[in-house]
């Protein structure tokens, strides 16, 4: 799968998470450069993120994924507190219901038309 961001960013994150009723995270999968499960290509105005591994299973299991990146105007992370730094993180939520619905319908069609 390829995700394209209309900005240039060096270290994006794709995050799948689920939370309980109290807002505590109980399940999570992440795709980052450090885990070697994404590849990132940037040009002057875009970032192309190629996901590898078991992301299709995650897209079927989780209700939402978040595409996260750090804004260009963020100060050097080594010089400020972590809580302040969080305000510079952008998270774009992507609802996966429609993907799951279409994937299951396509899978069923393929089984019926073999």
PDB file of N, CA and C in Angstrom:
ATOM      1  N   UNK A   1       0.847  -1.173   0.000  1.00  0.00           N
ATOM      2  CA  UNK A   1       0.000   0.000   0.000  1.00  0.00           C
ATOM      3  C   UNK A   1       0.888   1.229   0.000  1.00  0.00           C
ATOM      4  N   UNK A   2       0.454   2.256  -0.707  1.00  0.00           N
ATOM      5  CA  UNK A   2       1.190   3.514  -0.753  1.00  0.00           C
ATOM      6  C   UNK A   2       0.292   4.624  -0.211  1.00  0.00           C
ATOM      7  N   UNK A   3       0.818   5.393   0.735  1.00  0.00           N
ATOM      8  CA  UNK A   3       0.141   6.571   1.280  1.00  0.00           C
ATOM      9  C   UNK A   3       0.941   7.772   0.823  1.00  0.00           C
ATOM     10  N   UNK A   4       0.274   8.786   0.287  1.00  0.00           N
ATOM     11  CA  UNK A   4       0.962   9.989  -0.168  1.00  0.00           C
ATOM     12  C   UNK A   4       0.506  11.169   0.682  1.00  0.00           C
ATOM     13  N   UNK A   5       1.471  11.878   1.251  1.00  0.00           N
ATOM     14  CA  UNK A   5       1.200  13.103   2.005  1.00  0.00           C
ATOM     15  C   UNK A   5       1.574  14.300   1.140  1.00  0.00           C
ATOM     16  N   UNK A   6       0.767  15.350   1.151  1.00  0.00           N
ATOM     17  CA  UNK A   6       1.075  16.523   0.309  1.00  0.00           C
ATOM     18  C   UNK A   6       2.104  17.456   0.951  1.00  0.00           C
ATOM     19  N   UNK A   7       2.966  16.908   1.780  1.00  0.00           N
ATOM     20  CA  UNK A   7       4.033  17.672   2.425  1.00  0.00           C
ATOM     21  C   UNK A   7       5.291  16.821   2.428  1.00  0.00           C
ATOM     22  N   UNK A   8       6.409  17.448   2.673  1.00  0.00           N
ATOM     23  CA  UNK A   8       7.664  16.709   2.785  1.00  0.00           C
ATOM     24  C   UNK A   8       7.935  16.452   4.266  1.00  0.00           C
ATOM     25  N   UNK A   9       8.073  15.188   4.633  1.00  0.00           N
ATOM     26  CA  UNK A   9       8.407  14.825   6.000  1.00  0.00           C
ATOM     27  C   UNK A   9       9.346  13.623   5.974  1.00  0.00           C
ATOM     28  N   UNK A  10      10.307  13.632   6.860  1.00  0.00           N
ATOM     29  CA  UNK A  10      11.359  12.617   6.840  1.00  0.00           C
ATOM     30  C   UNK A  10      11.005  11.326   7.571  1.00  0.00           C
ATOM     31  N   UNK A  11      10.159  11.400   8.595  1.00  0.00           N
ATOM     32  CA  UNK A  11       9.957  10.236   9.453  1.00  0.00           C
ATOM     33  C   UNK A  11       8.479  10.064   9.825  1.00  0.00           C
ATOM     34  N   UNK A  12       7.622   9.720   8.857  1.00  0.00           N
ATOM     35  CA  UNK A  12       6.194   9.564   9.160  1.00  0.00           C
ATOM     36  C   UNK A  12       5.920   8.284   9.945  1.00  0.00           C
ATOM     37  N   UNK A  13       4.724   8.205  10.495  1.00  0.00           N
ATOM     38  CA  UNK A  13       4.283   7.064  11.296  1.00  0.00           C
ATOM     39  C   UNK A  13       2.879   6.694  10.873  1.00  0.00           C
ATOM     40  N   UNK A  14       2.641   5.405  10.654  1.00  0.00           N
ATOM     41  CA  UNK A  14       1.284   4.882  10.439  1.00  0.00           C
ATOM     42  C   UNK A  14       0.953   4.086  11.692  1.00  0.00           C
ATOM     43  N   UNK A  15      -0.137   4.443  12.348  1.00  0.00           N
ATOM     44  CA  UNK A  15      -0.470   3.849  13.636  1.00  0.00           C
ATOM     45  C   UNK A  15      -1.881   3.270  13.616  1.00  0.00           C
ATOM     46  N   UNK A  16      -1.991   2.013  14.014  1.00  0.00           N
ATOM     47  CA  UNK A  16      -3.279   1.357  14.218  1.00  0.00           C
ATOM     48  C   UNK A  16      -3.430   1.167  15.722  1.00  0.00           C
ATOM     49  N   UNK A  17      -4.542   1.624  16.300  1.00  0.00           N
ATOM     50  CA  UNK A  17      -4.733   1.491  17.746  1.00  0.00           C
ATOM     51  C   UNK A  17      -6.189   1.241  18.070  1.00  0.00           C
ATOM     52  N   UNK A  18      -6.408   0.636  19.241  1.00  0.00           N
ATOM     53  CA  UNK A  18      -7.753   0.493  19.799  1.00  0.00           C
ATOM     54  C   UNK A  18      -7.694   0.894  21.263  1.00  0.00           C
ATOM     55  N   UNK A  19      -8.778   1.498  21.734  1.00  0.00           N
ATOM     56  CA  UNK A  19      -8.848   1.971  23.108  1.00  0.00           C
ATOM     57  C   UNK A  19     -10.053   1.362  23.801  1.00  0.00           C
ATOM     58  N   UNK A  20      -9.952   1.218  25.128  1.00  0.00           N
ATOM     59  CA  UNK A  20     -11.096   0.737  25.900  1.00  0.00           C
ATOM     60  C   UNK A  20     -12.010   1.910  26.246  1.00  0.00           C
ATOM     61  N   UNK A  21     -13.059   1.639  27.021  1.00  0.00           N
ATOM     62  CA  UNK A  21     -14.036   2.668  27.372  1.00  0.00           C
ATOM     63  C   UNK A  21     -13.433   3.799  28.184  1.00  0.00           C
ATOM     64  N   UNK A  22     -12.344   3.535  28.880  1.00  0.00           N
ATOM     65  CA  UNK A  22     -11.697   4.547  29.719  1.00  0.00           C
ATOM     66  C   UNK A  22     -10.631   5.331  28.958  1.00  0.00           C
ATOM     67  N   UNK A  23     -10.463   5.036  27.671  1.00  0.00           N
ATOM     68  CA  UNK A  23      -9.497   5.755  26.865  1.00  0.00           C
ATOM     69  C   UNK A  23      -8.082   5.215  26.926  1.00  0.00           C
ATOM     70  N   UNK A  24      -7.905   4.030  27.501  1.00  0.00           N
ATOM     71  CA  UNK A  24      -6.573   3.420  27.565  1.00  0.00           C
ATOM     72  C   UNK A  24      -6.352   2.553  26.331  1.00  0.00           C
ATOM     73  N   UNK A  25      -5.175   2.722  25.737  1.00  0.00           N
ATOM     74  CA  UNK A  25      -4.836   1.934  24.562  1.00  0.00           C
ATOM     75  C   UNK A  25      -4.561   0.490  24.975  1.00  0.00           C
ATOM     76  N   UNK A  26      -5.215  -0.456  24.302  1.00  0.00           N
ATOM     77  CA  UNK A  26      -4.991  -1.858  24.648  1.00  0.00           C
ATOM     78  C   UNK A  26      -4.445  -2.680  23.487  1.00  0.00           C
ATOM     79  N   UNK A  27      -4.408  -2.117  22.317  1.00  0.00           N
ATOM     80  CA  UNK A  27      -3.862  -2.839  21.178  1.00  0.00           C
ATOM     81  C   UNK A  27      -3.307  -1.826  20.197  1.00  0.00           C
ATOM     82  N   UNK A  28      -2.120  -2.119  19.649  1.00  0.00           N
ATOM     83  CA  UNK A  28      -1.506  -1.150  18.758  1.00  0.00           C
ATOM     84  C   UNK A  28      -0.505  -1.823  17.826  1.00  0.00           C
ATOM     85  N   UNK A  29      -0.464  -1.366  16.601  1.00  0.00           N
ATOM     86  CA  UNK A  29       0.544  -1.753  15.624  1.00  0.00           C
ATOM     87  C   UNK A  29       1.049  -0.472  14.978  1.00  0.00           C
ATOM     88  N   UNK A  30       2.354  -0.359  14.802  1.00  0.00           N
ATOM     89  CA  UNK A  30       2.894   0.847  14.190  1.00  0.00           C
ATOM     90  C   UNK A  30       3.815   0.499  13.033  1.00  0.00           C
ATOM     91  N   UNK A  31       3.832   1.390  12.066  1.00  0.00           N
ATOM     92  CA  UNK A  31       4.674   1.255  10.882  1.00  0.00           C
ATOM     93  C   UNK A  31       5.561   2.495  10.818  1.00  0.00           C
ATOM     94  N   UNK A  32       6.864   2.300  11.049  1.00  0.00           N
ATOM     95  CA  UNK A  32       7.829   3.393  11.067  1.00  0.00           C
ATOM     96  C   UNK A  32       9.140   2.933  10.429  1.00  0.00           C
ATOM     97  N   UNK A  33       9.969   3.894  10.084  1.00  0.00           N
ATOM     98  CA  UNK A  33      11.277   3.571   9.515  1.00  0.00           C
ATOM     99  C   UNK A  33      12.105   2.711  10.461  1.00  0.00           C
ATOM    100  N   UNK A  34      12.031   2.999  11.757  1.00  0.00           N
ATOM    101  CA  UNK A  34      12.843   2.269  12.732  1.00  0.00           C
ATOM    102  C   UNK A  34      12.506   0.781  12.770  1.00  0.00           C
ATOM    103  N   UNK A  35      11.272   0.423  12.443  1.00  0.00           N
ATOM    104  CA  UNK A  35      10.869  -0.987  12.436  1.00  0.00           C
ATOM    105  C   UNK A  35      11.106  -1.644  11.080  1.00  0.00           C
ATOM    106  N   UNK A  36      11.574  -0.888  10.124  1.00  0.00           N
ATOM    107  CA  UNK A  36      11.828  -1.378   8.759  1.00  0.00           C
ATOM    108  C   UNK A  36      10.582  -1.959   8.094  1.00  0.00           C
ATOM    109  N   UNK A  37       9.390  -1.447   8.460  1.00  0.00           N
ATOM    110  CA  UNK A  37       8.180  -1.929   7.804  1.00  0.00           C
ATOM    111  C   UNK A  37       7.512  -0.857   6.937  1.00  0.00           C
ATOM    112  N   UNK A  38       8.222   0.256   6.725  1.00  0.00           N
ATOM    113  CA  UNK A  38       7.814   1.232   5.712  1.00  0.00           C
ATOM    114  C   UNK A  38       9.060   1.694   4.965  1.00  0.00           C
ATOM    115  N   UNK A  39       8.818   2.199   3.763  1.00  0.00           N
ATOM    116  CA  UNK A  39       9.852   2.895   2.997  1.00  0.00           C
ATOM    117  C   UNK A  39       9.302   4.279   2.707  1.00  0.00           C
ATOM    118  N   UNK A  40      10.156   5.285   2.760  1.00  0.00           N
ATOM    119  CA  UNK A  40       9.715   6.669   2.577  1.00  0.00           C
ATOM    120  C   UNK A  40      10.522   7.312   1.459  1.00  0.00           C
ATOM    121  N   UNK A  41       9.800   7.908   0.508  1.00  0.00           N
ATOM    122  CA  UNK A  41      10.427   8.652  -0.583  1.00  0.00           C
ATOM    123  C   UNK A  41       9.838  10.052  -0.583  1.00  0.00           C
ATOM    124  N   UNK A  42      10.701  11.060  -0.583  1.00  0.00           N
ATOM    125  CA  UNK A  42      10.219  12.437  -0.582  1.00  0.00           C
ATOM    126  C   UNK A  42      10.753  13.169  -1.803  1.00  0.00           C
ATOM    127  N   UNK A  43       9.961  14.130  -2.246  1.00  0.00           N
ATOM    128  CA  UNK A  43      10.457  15.070  -3.243  1.00  0.00           C
ATOM    129  C   UNK A  43      10.255  16.463  -2.657  1.00  0.00           C
ATOM    130  N   UNK A  44      10.237  17.474  -3.469  1.00  0.00           N
ATOM    131  CA  UNK A  44      10.177  18.833  -2.933  1.00  0.00           C
ATOM    132  C   UNK A  44       8.853  19.178  -2.255  1.00  0.00           C
ATOM    133  N   UNK A  45       7.791  18.431  -2.552  1.00  0.00           N
ATOM    134  CA  UNK A  45       6.494  18.799  -1.967  1.00  0.00           C
ATOM    135  C   UNK A  45       5.616  17.621  -1.540  1.00  0.00           C
ATOM    136  N   UNK A  46       6.108  16.390  -1.627  1.00  0.00           N
ATOM    137  CA  UNK A  46       5.301  15.227  -1.255  1.00  0.00           C
ATOM    138  C   UNK A  46       6.138  14.189  -0.528  1.00  0.00           C
ATOM    139  N   UNK A  47       5.428  13.339   0.212  1.00  0.00           N
ATOM    140  CA  UNK A  47       6.048  12.189   0.850  1.00  0.00           C
ATOM    141  C   UNK A  47       5.264  10.956   0.431  1.00  0.00           C
ATOM    142  N   UNK A  48       5.961   9.960  -0.092  1.00  0.00           N
ATOM    143  CA  UNK A  48       5.347   8.690  -0.466  1.00  0.00           C
ATOM    144  C   UNK A  48       5.767   7.662   0.579  1.00  0.00           C
ATOM    145  N   UNK A  49       4.787   7.046   1.227  1.00  0.00           N
ATOM    146  CA  UNK A  49       5.041   6.050   2.266  1.00  0.00           C
ATOM    147  C   UNK A  49       4.581   4.699   1.731  1.00  0.00           C
ATOM    148  N   UNK A  50       5.489   3.762   1.647  1.00  0.00           N
ATOM    149  CA  UNK A  50       5.148   2.414   1.180  1.00  0.00           C
ATOM    150  C   UNK A  50       5.136   1.500   2.396  1.00  0.00           C
ATOM    151  N   UNK A  51       3.969   0.923   2.685  1.00  0.00           N
ATOM    152  CA  UNK A  51       3.824   0.021   3.820  1.00  0.00           C
ATOM    153  C   UNK A  51       4.136  -1.398   3.394  1.00  0.00           C
ATOM    154  N   UNK A  52       4.878  -2.114   4.217  1.00  0.00           N
ATOM    155  CA  UNK A  52       5.182  -3.516   3.959  1.00  0.00           C
ATOM    156  C   UNK A  52       4.785  -4.329   5.179  1.00  0.00           C
ATOM    157  N   UNK A  53       4.808  -5.628   5.049  1.00  0.00           N
ATOM    158  CA  UNK A  53       4.462  -6.471   6.195  1.00  0.00           C
ATOM    159  C   UNK A  53       2.991  -6.820   6.206  1.00  0.00           C
ATOM    160  N   UNK A  54       2.399  -6.877   7.375  1.00  0.00           N
ATOM    161  CA  UNK A  54       1.035  -7.376   7.548  1.00  0.00           C
ATOM    162  C   UNK A  54      -0.009  -6.260   7.663  1.00  0.00           C
ATOM    163  N   UNK A  55       0.216  -5.156   6.961  1.00  0.00           N
ATOM    164  CA  UNK A  55      -0.687  -4.017   7.089  1.00  0.00           C
ATOM    165  C   UNK A  55      -2.107  -4.344   6.641  1.00  0.00           C
ATOM    166  N   UNK A  56      -2.303  -5.244   5.657  1.00  0.00           N
ATOM    167  CA  UNK A  56      -3.667  -5.580   5.231  1.00  0.00           C
ATOM    168  C   UNK A  56      -4.425  -6.229   6.385  1.00  0.00           C
ATOM    169  N   UNK A  57      -3.770  -7.103   7.139  1.00  0.00           N
ATOM    170  CA  UNK A  57      -4.414  -7.692   8.319  1.00  0.00           C
ATOM    171  C   UNK A  57      -4.785  -6.610   9.326  1.00  0.00           C
ATOM    172  N   UNK A  58      -3.890  -5.635   9.527  1.00  0.00           N
ATOM    173  CA  UNK A  58      -4.188  -4.546  10.453  1.00  0.00           C
ATOM    174  C   UNK A  58      -5.345  -3.693   9.951  1.00  0.00           C
ATOM    175  N   UNK A  59      -5.414  -3.470   8.640  1.00  0.00           N
ATOM    176  CA  UNK A  59      -6.516  -2.677   8.083  1.00  0.00           C
ATOM    177  C   UNK A  59      -7.851  -3.398   8.237  1.00  0.00           C
ATOM    178  N   UNK A  60      -7.819  -4.732   8.288  1.00  0.00           N
ATOM    179  CA  UNK A  60      -9.054  -5.494   8.494  1.00  0.00           C
ATOM    180  C   UNK A  60      -9.409  -5.618   9.974  1.00  0.00           C
ATOM    181  N   UNK A  61      -8.412  -5.566  10.840  1.00  0.00           N
ATOM    182  CA  UNK A  61      -8.629  -5.764  12.273  1.00  0.00           C
ATOM    183  C   UNK A  61      -9.013  -4.483  13.017  1.00  0.00           C
ATOM    184  N   UNK A  62      -8.402  -3.371  12.667  1.00  0.00           N
ATOM    185  CA  UNK A  62      -8.613  -2.115  13.403  1.00  0.00           C
ATOM    186  C   UNK A  62      -9.660  -1.253  12.715  1.00  0.00           C
ATOM    187  N   UNK A  63     -10.344  -0.424  13.504  1.00  0.00           N
ATOM    188  CA  UNK A  63     -11.381   0.460  12.980  1.00  0.00           C
ATOM    189  C   UNK A  63     -10.813   1.703  12.303  1.00  0.00           C
ATOM    190  N   UNK A  64      -9.598   2.087  12.696  1.00  0.00           N
ATOM    191  CA  UNK A  64      -9.038   3.339  12.210  1.00  0.00           C
ATOM    192  C   UNK A  64      -7.522   3.241  12.163  1.00  0.00           C
ATOM    193  N   UNK A  65      -6.930   3.966  11.233  1.00  0.00           N
ATOM    194  CA  UNK A  65      -5.485   4.137  11.251  1.00  0.00           C
ATOM    195  C   UNK A  65      -5.209   5.633  11.283  1.00  0.00           C
ATOM    196  N   UNK A  66      -4.060   6.000  11.806  1.00  0.00           N
ATOM    197  CA  UNK A  66      -3.647   7.398  11.849  1.00  0.00           C
ATOM    198  C   UNK A  66      -2.339   7.546  11.101  1.00  0.00           C
ATOM    199  N   UNK A  67      -2.295   8.506  10.192  1.00  0.00           N
ATOM    200  CA  UNK A  67      -1.070   8.847   9.495  1.00  0.00           C
ATOM    201  C   UNK A  67      -0.515  10.065  10.221  1.00  0.00           C
ATOM    202  N   UNK A  68       0.660   9.917  10.827  1.00  0.00           N
ATOM    203  CA  UNK A  68       1.207  10.966  11.690  1.00  0.00           C
ATOM    204  C   UNK A  68       2.533  11.489  11.140  1.00  0.00           C
ATOM    205  N   UNK A  69       2.759  12.779  11.362  1.00  0.00           N
ATOM    206  CA  UNK A  69       4.031  13.389  10.996  1.00  0.00           C
ATOM    207  C   UNK A  69       4.247  14.625  11.861  1.00  0.00           C
ATOM    208  N   UNK A  70       5.465  15.117  11.863  1.00  0.00           N
ATOM    209  CA  UNK A  70       5.817  16.294  12.653  1.00  0.00           C
ATOM    210  C   UNK A  70       5.837  17.506  11.722  1.00  0.00           C
ATOM    211  N   UNK A  71       5.187  18.582  12.164  1.00  0.00           N
ATOM    212  CA  UNK A  71       5.139  19.798  11.362  1.00  0.00           C
ATOM    213  C   UNK A  71       6.539  20.360  11.124  1.00  0.00           C
ATOM    214  N   UNK A  72       6.687  21.034   9.990  1.00  0.00           N
ATOM    215  CA  UNK A  72       7.975  21.627   9.634  1.00  0.00           C
ATOM    216  C   UNK A  72       8.449  22.683  10.625  1.00  0.00           C
ATOM    217  N   UNK A  73       7.506  23.390  11.247  1.00  0.00           N
ATOM    218  CA  UNK A  73       7.896  24.471  12.151  1.00  0.00           C
ATOM    219  C   UNK A  73       8.180  23.994  13.574  1.00  0.00           C
ATOM    220  N   UNK A  74       8.261  22.690  13.782  1.00  0.00           N
ATOM    221  CA  UNK A  74       8.553  22.155  15.122  1.00  0.00           C
ATOM    222  C   UNK A  74       9.995  22.482  15.507  1.00  0.00           C
ATOM    223  N   UNK A  75      10.195  22.894  16.749  1.00  0.00           N
ATOM    224  CA  UNK A  75      11.570  23.136  17.195  1.00  0.00           C
ATOM    225  C   UNK A  75      12.324  21.817  17.345  1.00  0.00           C
ATOM    226  N   UNK A  76      13.601  21.906  17.505  1.00  0.00           N
ATOM    227  CA  UNK A  76      14.438  20.726  17.693  1.00  0.00           C
ATOM    228  C   UNK A  76      13.931  19.954  18.905  1.00  0.00           C
ATOM    229  N   UNK A  77      13.584  18.673  18.712  1.00  0.00           N
ATOM    230  CA  UNK A  77      12.988  17.891  19.787  1.00  0.00           C
ATOM    231  C   UNK A  77      13.912  17.717  20.982  1.00  0.00           C
ATOM    232  N   UNK A  78      15.203  17.912  20.813  1.00  0.00           N
ATOM    233  CA  UNK A  78      16.145  17.735  21.918  1.00  0.00           C
ATOM    234  C   UNK A  78      16.122  18.918  22.884  1.00  0.00           C
ATOM    235  N   UNK A  79      15.516  20.017  22.453  1.00  0.00           N
ATOM    236  CA  UNK A  79      15.586  21.223  23.269  1.00  0.00           C
ATOM    237  C   UNK A  79      14.293  21.563  24.000  1.00  0.00           C
ATOM    238  N   UNK A  80      13.233  20.794  23.785  1.00  0.00           N
ATOM    239  CA  UNK A  80      11.975  21.123  24.444  1.00  0.00           C
ATOM    240  C   UNK A  80      11.374  19.907  25.123  1.00  0.00           C
ATOM    241  N   UNK A  81      10.430  20.176  26.019  1.00  0.00           N
ATOM    242  CA  UNK A  81       9.770  19.095  26.755  1.00  0.00           C
ATOM    243  C   UNK A  81       8.870  18.283  25.820  1.00  0.00           C
ATOM    244  N   UNK A  82       8.718  16.996  26.131  1.00  0.00           N
ATOM    245  CA  UNK A  82       7.902  16.108  25.296  1.00  0.00           C
ATOM    246  C   UNK A  82       6.460  16.569  25.187  1.00  0.00           C
ATOM    247  N   UNK A  83       5.871  17.059  26.287  1.00  0.00           N
ATOM    248  CA  UNK A  83       4.474  17.487  26.244  1.00  0.00           C
ATOM    249  C   UNK A  83       4.274  18.664  25.296  1.00  0.00           C
ATOM    250  N   UNK A  84       5.228  19.580  25.260  1.00  0.00           N
ATOM    251  CA  UNK A  84       5.138  20.711  24.341  1.00  0.00           C
ATOM    252  C   UNK A  84       5.296  20.222  22.906  1.00  0.00           C
ATOM    253  N   UNK A  85       6.156  19.263  22.705  1.00  0.00           N
ATOM    254  CA  UNK A  85       6.448  18.751  21.363  1.00  0.00           C
ATOM    255  C   UNK A  85       5.214  18.112  20.730  1.00  0.00           C
ATOM    256  N   UNK A  86       4.339  17.545  21.548  1.00  0.00           N
ATOM    257  CA  UNK A  86       3.143  16.876  21.025  1.00  0.00           C
ATOM    258  C   UNK A  86       2.259  17.812  20.209  1.00  0.00           C
ATOM    259  N   UNK A  87       2.293  19.094  20.504  1.00  0.00           N
ATOM    260  CA  UNK A  87       1.457  20.031  19.750  1.00  0.00           C
ATOM    261  C   UNK A  87       1.910  20.184  18.294  1.00  0.00           C
ATOM    262  N   UNK A  88       3.104  19.704  17.973  1.00  0.00           N
ATOM    263  CA  UNK A  88       3.624  19.792  16.618  1.00  0.00           C
ATOM    264  C   UNK A  88       3.393  18.507  15.815  1.00  0.00           C
ATOM    265  N   UNK A  89       2.788  17.506  16.435  1.00  0.00           N
ATOM    266  CA  UNK A  89       2.507  16.251  15.742  1.00  0.00           C
ATOM    267  C   UNK A  89       1.120  16.335  15.111  1.00  0.00           C
ATOM    268  N   UNK A  90       1.054  16.055  13.830  1.00  0.00           N
ATOM    269  CA  UNK A  90      -0.219  16.029  13.103  1.00  0.00           C
ATOM    270  C   UNK A  90      -0.618  14.570  12.932  1.00  0.00           C
ATOM    271  N   UNK A  91      -1.844  14.251  13.278  1.00  0.00           N
ATOM    272  CA  UNK A  91      -2.371  12.900  13.095  1.00  0.00           C
ATOM    273  C   UNK A  91      -3.613  12.983  12.212  1.00  0.00           C
ATOM    274  N   UNK A  92      -3.567  12.317  11.086  1.00  0.00           N
ATOM    275  CA  UNK A  92      -4.699  12.294  10.160  1.00  0.00           C
ATOM    276  C   UNK A  92      -5.412  10.955  10.326  1.00  0.00           C
ATOM    277  N   UNK A  93      -6.614  10.963  10.923  1.00  0.00           N
ATOM    278  CA  UNK A  93      -7.333   9.697  11.111  1.00  0.00           C
ATOM    279  C   UNK A  93      -7.969   9.225   9.804  1.00  0.00           C
ATOM    280  N   UNK A  94      -7.909   7.926   9.582  1.00  0.00           N
ATOM    281  CA  UNK A  94      -8.516   7.316   8.398  1.00  0.00           C
ATOM    282  C   UNK A  94      -9.430   6.197   8.877  1.00  0.00           C
ATOM    283  N   UNK A  95     -10.742   6.365   8.658  1.00  0.00           N
ATOM    284  CA  UNK A  95     -11.718   5.346   9.035  1.00  0.00           C
ATOM    285  C   UNK A  95     -11.604   4.185   8.052  1.00  0.00           C
ATOM    286  N   UNK A  96     -11.516   2.974   8.565  1.00  0.00           N
ATOM    287  CA  UNK A  96     -11.279   1.805   7.721  1.00  0.00           C
ATOM    288  C   UNK A  96     -12.542   1.004   7.402  1.00  0.00           C
ATOM    289  N   UNK A  97     -13.696   1.470   7.840  1.00  0.00           N
ATOM    290  CA  UNK A  97     -14.928   0.707   7.634  1.00  0.00           C
ATOM    291  C   UNK A  97     -15.187   0.449   6.154  1.00  0.00           C
ATOM    292  N   UNK A  98     -15.089   1.484   5.322  1.00  0.00           N
ATOM    293  CA  UNK A  98     -15.393   1.328   3.896  1.00  0.00           C
ATOM    294  C   UNK A  98     -14.391   0.381   3.228  1.00  0.00           C
ATOM    295  N   UNK A  99     -13.100   0.494   3.597  1.00  0.00           N
ATOM    296  CA  UNK A  99     -12.094  -0.426   3.063  1.00  0.00           C
ATOM    297  C   UNK A  99     -12.458  -1.865   3.426  1.00  0.00           C
ATOM    298  N   UNK A 100     -12.812  -2.093   4.686  1.00  0.00           N
ATOM    299  CA  UNK A 100     -13.143  -3.445   5.145  1.00  0.00           C
ATOM    300  C   UNK A 100     -14.356  -3.983   4.409  1.00  0.00           C
ATOM    301  N   UNK A 101     -15.357  -3.148   4.249  1.00  0.00           N
ATOM    302  CA  UNK A 101     -16.572  -3.551   3.545  1.00  0.00           C
ATOM    303  C   UNK A 101     -16.254  -3.948   2.094  1.00  0.00           C
ATOM    304  N   UNK A 102     -15.492  -3.128   1.390  1.00  0.00           N
ATOM    305  CA  UNK A 102     -15.150  -3.402  -0.002  1.00  0.00           C
ATOM    306  C   UNK A 102     -14.230  -4.614  -0.126  1.00  0.00           C
ATOM    307  N   UNK A 103     -13.282  -4.753   0.783  1.00  0.00           N
ATOM    308  CA  UNK A 103     -12.352  -5.877   0.746  1.00  0.00           C
ATOM    309  C   UNK A 103     -13.105  -7.196   0.916  1.00  0.00           C
ATOM    310  N   UNK A 104     -14.005  -7.245   1.892  1.00  0.00           N
ATOM    311  CA  UNK A 104     -14.764  -8.479   2.136  1.00  0.00           C
ATOM    312  C   UNK A 104     -15.673  -8.815   0.960  1.00  0.00           C
ATOM    313  N   UNK A 105     -16.293  -7.792   0.352  1.00  0.00           N
ATOM    314  CA  UNK A 105     -17.150  -8.035  -0.817  1.00  0.00           C
ATOM    315  C   UNK A 105     -16.322  -8.552  -1.991  1.00  0.00           C
ATOM    316  N   UNK A 106     -15.149  -7.971  -2.214  1.00  0.00           N
ATOM    317  CA  UNK A 106     -14.284  -8.424  -3.305  1.00  0.00           C
ATOM    318  C   UNK A 106     -13.788  -9.848  -3.052  1.00  0.00           C
ATOM    319  N   UNK A 107     -13.448 -10.151  -1.817  1.00  0.00           N
ATOM    320  CA  UNK A 107     -12.972 -11.490  -1.470  1.00  0.00           C
ATOM    321  C   UNK A 107     -14.079 -12.523  -1.709  1.00  0.00           C
ATOM    322  N   UNK A 108     -15.292 -12.185  -1.305  1.00  0.00           N
ATOM    323  CA  UNK A 108     -16.429 -13.088  -1.512  1.00  0.00           C
ATOM    324  C   UNK A 108     -16.680 -13.298  -3.012  1.00  0.00           C
ATOM    325  N   UNK A 109     -16.618 -12.213  -3.790  1.00  0.00           N
ATOM    326  CA  UNK A 109     -16.827 -12.318  -5.229  1.00  0.00           C
ATOM    327  C   UNK A 109     -15.773 -13.224  -5.854  1.00  0.00           C
ATOM    328  N   UNK A 110     -14.522 -13.075  -5.435  1.00  0.00           N
ATOM    329  CA  UNK A 110     -13.441 -13.908  -5.989  1.00  0.00           C
ATOM    330  C   UNK A 110     -13.656 -15.383  -5.673  1.00  0.00           C
ATOM    331  N   UNK A 111     -14.112 -15.687  -4.462  1.00  0.00           N
ATOM    332  CA  UNK A 111     -14.362 -17.085  -4.085  1.00  0.00           C
ATOM    333  C   UNK A 111     -15.498 -17.682  -4.905  1.00  0.00           C
ATOM    334  N   UNK A 112     -16.534 -16.894  -5.152  1.00  0.00           N
ATOM    335  CA  UNK A 112     -17.692 -17.369  -5.892  1.00  0.00           C
ATOM    336  C   UNK A 112     -17.418 -17.509  -7.385  1.00  0.00           C
ATOM    337  N   UNK A 113     -16.412 -16.822  -7.896  1.00  0.00           N
ATOM    338  CA  UNK A 113     -16.151 -16.824  -9.347  1.00  0.00           C
ATOM    339  C   UNK A 113     -14.811 -17.455  -9.710  1.00  0.00           C
ATOM    340  N   UNK A 114     -14.406 -18.448  -8.967  1.00  0.00           N
ATOM    341  CA  UNK A 114     -13.153 -19.140  -9.288  1.00  0.00           C
ATOM    342  C   UNK A 114     -13.351 -20.128 -10.412  1.00  0.00           C
TER     343      UNK A 114
END
